[in-house]
Amino acid sequence: MLQIYTGDGKGKTTAALGLALRACGHGRKVIMIQFMKGDIEYGEVKIASKIPGFELHQFGLPTFVEKGNPAAEDLRLAKEGFDFACEIISKGEYDVVILDELNCAIDYGLIYLEDVLELLDRVPKEMEIIITGRNARPKLTERADLVSEIKEIKHPFQKGILAREGIDY
């Protein structure tokens, strides 16, 4: 199945990580491929190697991508990450493949929607695909089996509270 977690609220990656933890608890093999993220201080990066059956790979810089004007390195890393995802999916060795922030990579013009749709045509039937990130394209949500929109109602950032280690990253 294809699951999409989208919306402007906090918790899309967190939801995918919860699913990964559950799947690993049942002996499934899970890989998370993070687009536009390259910060090794994220909690999930620090713990990934300690969870049996879970693997995490980052394809991004530890800085934000400028929408409409991505750096050449941002484009290169996104392509490298997408090529890696294509290889992983074609081999069929994982039960769950999480494409974290792929919606954003599409929205920012780092990856083409058409390429993603073509990749989804080649996913083995028994493999679960999870796509996260804001601004999921209608063509993706139409194809998905499950779409959850996480809506921001209130966020500590509105009070000037910055991201907190172990809670927000």
Protein backbone atom coordinates (compact mmCIF):
# COMPACT_ATOMS: atom_id res chain seq x y z
CA MET A 1 0.00 0.00 0.00
CA LEU A 2 0.93 3.64 -0.36
CA GLN A 3 0.51 5.88 2.66
CA ILE A 4 0.96 9.66 2.66
CA TYR A 5 1.37 11.90 5.70
CA THR A 6 1.02 15.54 4.68
CA GLY A 7 -0.22 18.89 5.97
CA ASP A 8 1.19 21.95 7.70
CA GLY A 9 1.28 20.46 11.19
CA LYS A 10 4.12 18.87 13.14
CA GLY A 11 4.28 15.09 13.21
CA LYS A 12 4.51 13.70 9.69
CA THR A 13 8.01 12.25 10.10
CA THR A 14 7.14 11.29 13.67
CA ALA A 15 4.13 9.29 12.43
CA ALA A 16 6.32 7.50 9.88
CA LEU A 17 8.87 6.69 12.59
CA GLY A 18 6.10 5.29 14.78
CA LEU A 19 5.04 3.00 11.95
CA ALA A 20 8.69 1.99 11.45
CA LEU A 21 9.06 1.11 15.13
CA ARG A 22 5.89 -0.97 15.02
CA ALA A 23 6.98 -2.79 11.84
CA CYS A 24 10.43 -3.53 13.26
CA GLY A 25 8.77 -4.88 16.40
CA HIS A 26 7.09 -7.47 14.18
CA GLY A 27 10.35 -8.45 12.51
CA ARG A 28 9.89 -6.42 9.34
CA LYS A 29 12.74 -4.67 7.53
CA VAL A 30 12.31 -0.90 7.27
CA ILE A 31 14.37 1.73 5.49
CA MET A 32 13.85 5.48 5.83
CA ILE A 33 15.28 7.67 3.10
CA GLN A 34 15.28 11.32 4.13
CA PHE A 35 15.24 14.00 1.45
CA MET A 36 16.37 17.57 2.21
CA LYS A 37 17.70 16.48 5.60
CA GLY A 38 21.36 16.08 6.46
CA ASP A 39 21.60 16.86 10.15
CA ILE A 40 23.17 13.98 12.06
CA GLU A 41 21.88 15.44 15.34
CA TYR A 42 18.30 14.30 14.65
CA GLY A 43 17.24 11.77 17.28
CA GLU A 44 16.17 9.24 14.66
CA VAL A 45 19.65 9.33 13.10
CA LYS A 46 21.30 8.73 16.47
CA ILE A 47 19.09 5.72 17.34
CA ALA A 48 18.64 4.14 13.90
CA SER A 49 21.54 1.69 14.14
CA LYS A 50 20.27 0.41 17.50
CA ILE A 51 16.86 -0.70 16.19
CA PRO A 52 16.99 -4.19 14.65
CA GLY A 53 15.63 -4.13 11.13
CA PHE A 54 15.73 -0.33 10.76
CA GLU A 55 18.00 1.62 8.45
CA LEU A 56 18.13 5.37 7.81
CA HIS A 57 19.87 7.32 5.03
CA GLN A 58 19.94 11.10 4.65
CA PHE A 59 20.24 12.91 1.33
CA GLY A 60 20.44 16.58 2.10
CA LEU A 61 22.46 19.33 3.66
CA PRO A 62 22.12 20.32 7.32
CA THR A 63 20.74 23.67 6.08
CA PHE A 64 17.39 24.68 4.61
CA VAL A 65 16.79 24.55 0.87
CA GLU A 66 15.80 27.87 -0.67
CA LYS A 67 12.48 27.29 -2.44
CA GLY A 68 12.68 28.39 -6.06
CA ASN A 69 16.46 28.67 -5.90
CA PRO A 70 17.99 25.39 -4.72
CA ALA A 71 21.75 25.10 -4.64
CA ALA A 72 23.42 22.72 -7.07
CA GLU A 73 24.35 20.52 -4.09
CA ASP A 74 20.67 20.33 -3.02
CA LEU A 75 19.73 19.14 -6.51
CA ARG A 76 22.60 16.64 -6.61
CA LEU A 77 21.72 15.15 -3.22
CA ALA A 78 18.02 14.90 -4.09
CA LYS A 79 18.86 13.05 -7.31
CA GLU A 80 21.25 10.77 -5.43
CA GLY A 81 18.53 10.05 -2.85
CA PHE A 82 15.91 9.37 -5.50
CA ASP A 83 18.25 7.07 -7.43
CA PHE A 84 18.96 5.24 -4.15
CA ALA A 85 15.21 4.91 -3.48
CA CYS A 86 14.66 3.50 -6.97
CA GLU A 87 17.40 0.91 -6.40
CA ILE A 88 16.07 -0.05 -2.95
CA ILE A 89 12.52 -0.46 -4.23
CA SER A 90 13.60 -2.46 -7.29
CA LYS A 91 15.56 -4.92 -5.14
CA GLY A 92 12.50 -5.59 -2.96
CA GLU A 93 14.54 -6.40 0.16
CA TYR A 94 12.56 -4.17 2.55
CA ASP A 95 9.00 -4.53 3.78
CA VAL A 96 8.54 -0.80 4.42
CA VAL A 97 10.19 2.07 2.54
CA ILE A 98 9.74 5.54 4.02
CA LEU A 99 10.43 8.42 1.65
CA ASP A 100 10.65 11.20 4.22
CA GLU A 101 10.04 14.75 2.93
CA LEU A 102 9.60 13.50 -0.63
CA ASN A 103 6.52 15.71 -0.97
CA CYS A 104 8.67 18.73 -0.11
CA ALA A 105 11.40 17.67 -2.54
CA ILE A 106 8.75 17.59 -5.27
CA ASP A 107 7.26 20.91 -4.15
CA TYR A 108 10.70 22.55 -4.17
CA GLY A 109 11.46 21.25 -7.67
CA LEU A 110 14.26 18.92 -6.58
CA ILE A 111 12.47 15.80 -7.87
CA TYR A 112 9.88 15.51 -10.64
CA LEU A 113 6.41 14.24 -9.77
CA GLU A 114 6.32 12.20 -12.99
CA ASP A 115 9.45 10.31 -11.91
CA VAL A 116 7.85 9.50 -8.55
CA LEU A 117 4.64 8.27 -10.20
CA GLU A 118 6.70 6.09 -12.53
CA LEU A 119 8.60 4.67 -9.54
CA LEU A 120 5.33 3.86 -7.76
CA ASP A 121 4.28 1.81 -10.80
CA ARG A 122 7.24 -0.50 -10.09
CA VAL A 123 6.73 -1.06 -6.34
CA PRO A 124 6.45 -4.76 -5.43
CA LYS A 125 2.93 -5.62 -4.28
CA GLU A 126 4.04 -6.74 -0.80
CA MET A 127 6.03 -3.52 -0.08
CA GLU A 128 4.56 -0.66 1.97
CA ILE A 129 5.56 2.84 0.83
CA ILE A 130 5.25 5.83 3.16
CA ILE A 131 5.68 9.36 1.78
CA THR A 132 5.85 12.35 4.12
CA GLY A 133 6.04 16.11 3.74
CA ARG A 134 3.88 19.15 3.18
CA ASN A 135 2.04 19.92 -0.03
CA ALA A 136 1.37 16.41 -1.32
CA ARG A 137 0.40 16.63 -4.97
CA PRO A 138 -3.17 15.57 -5.89
CA LYS A 139 -1.85 12.92 -8.31
CA LEU A 140 -0.07 11.27 -5.36
CA THR A 141 -2.97 11.51 -2.93
CA GLU A 142 -5.33 10.06 -5.57
CA ARG A 143 -3.05 7.06 -5.95
CA ALA A 144 -2.55 6.55 -2.19
CA ASP A 145 -4.39 3.97 -0.12
CA LEU A 146 -4.15 6.11 3.03
CA VAL A 147 -3.71 9.87 3.31
CA SER A 148 -3.44 11.60 6.67
CA GLU A 149 -3.36 15.37 6.78
CA ILE A 150 -1.73 16.74 9.89
CA LYS A 151 -3.10 20.22 10.50
CA GLU A 152 -1.44 22.84 12.66
CA ILE A 153 -3.80 24.34 15.20
CA LYS A 154 -1.22 25.72 17.59
CA HIS A 155 2.58 25.46 17.73
CA PRO A 156 5.14 26.56 20.38
CA PHE A 157 7.05 28.43 17.65
CA GLN A 158 4.21 30.98 17.67
CA LYS A 159 5.32 31.84 21.23
CA GLY A 160 8.97 32.10 20.19
CA ILE A 161 9.90 28.61 21.43
CA LEU A 162 12.49 27.07 19.15
CA ALA A 163 12.81 23.38 18.23
CA ARG A 164 13.71 21.24 21.25
CA GLU A 165 16.23 18.41 21.18
CA GLY A 166 14.61 15.03 21.70
CA ILE A 167 11.13 16.42 21.07
CA ASP A 168 11.23 18.23 17.73
CA TYR A 169 14.38 16.69 16.25
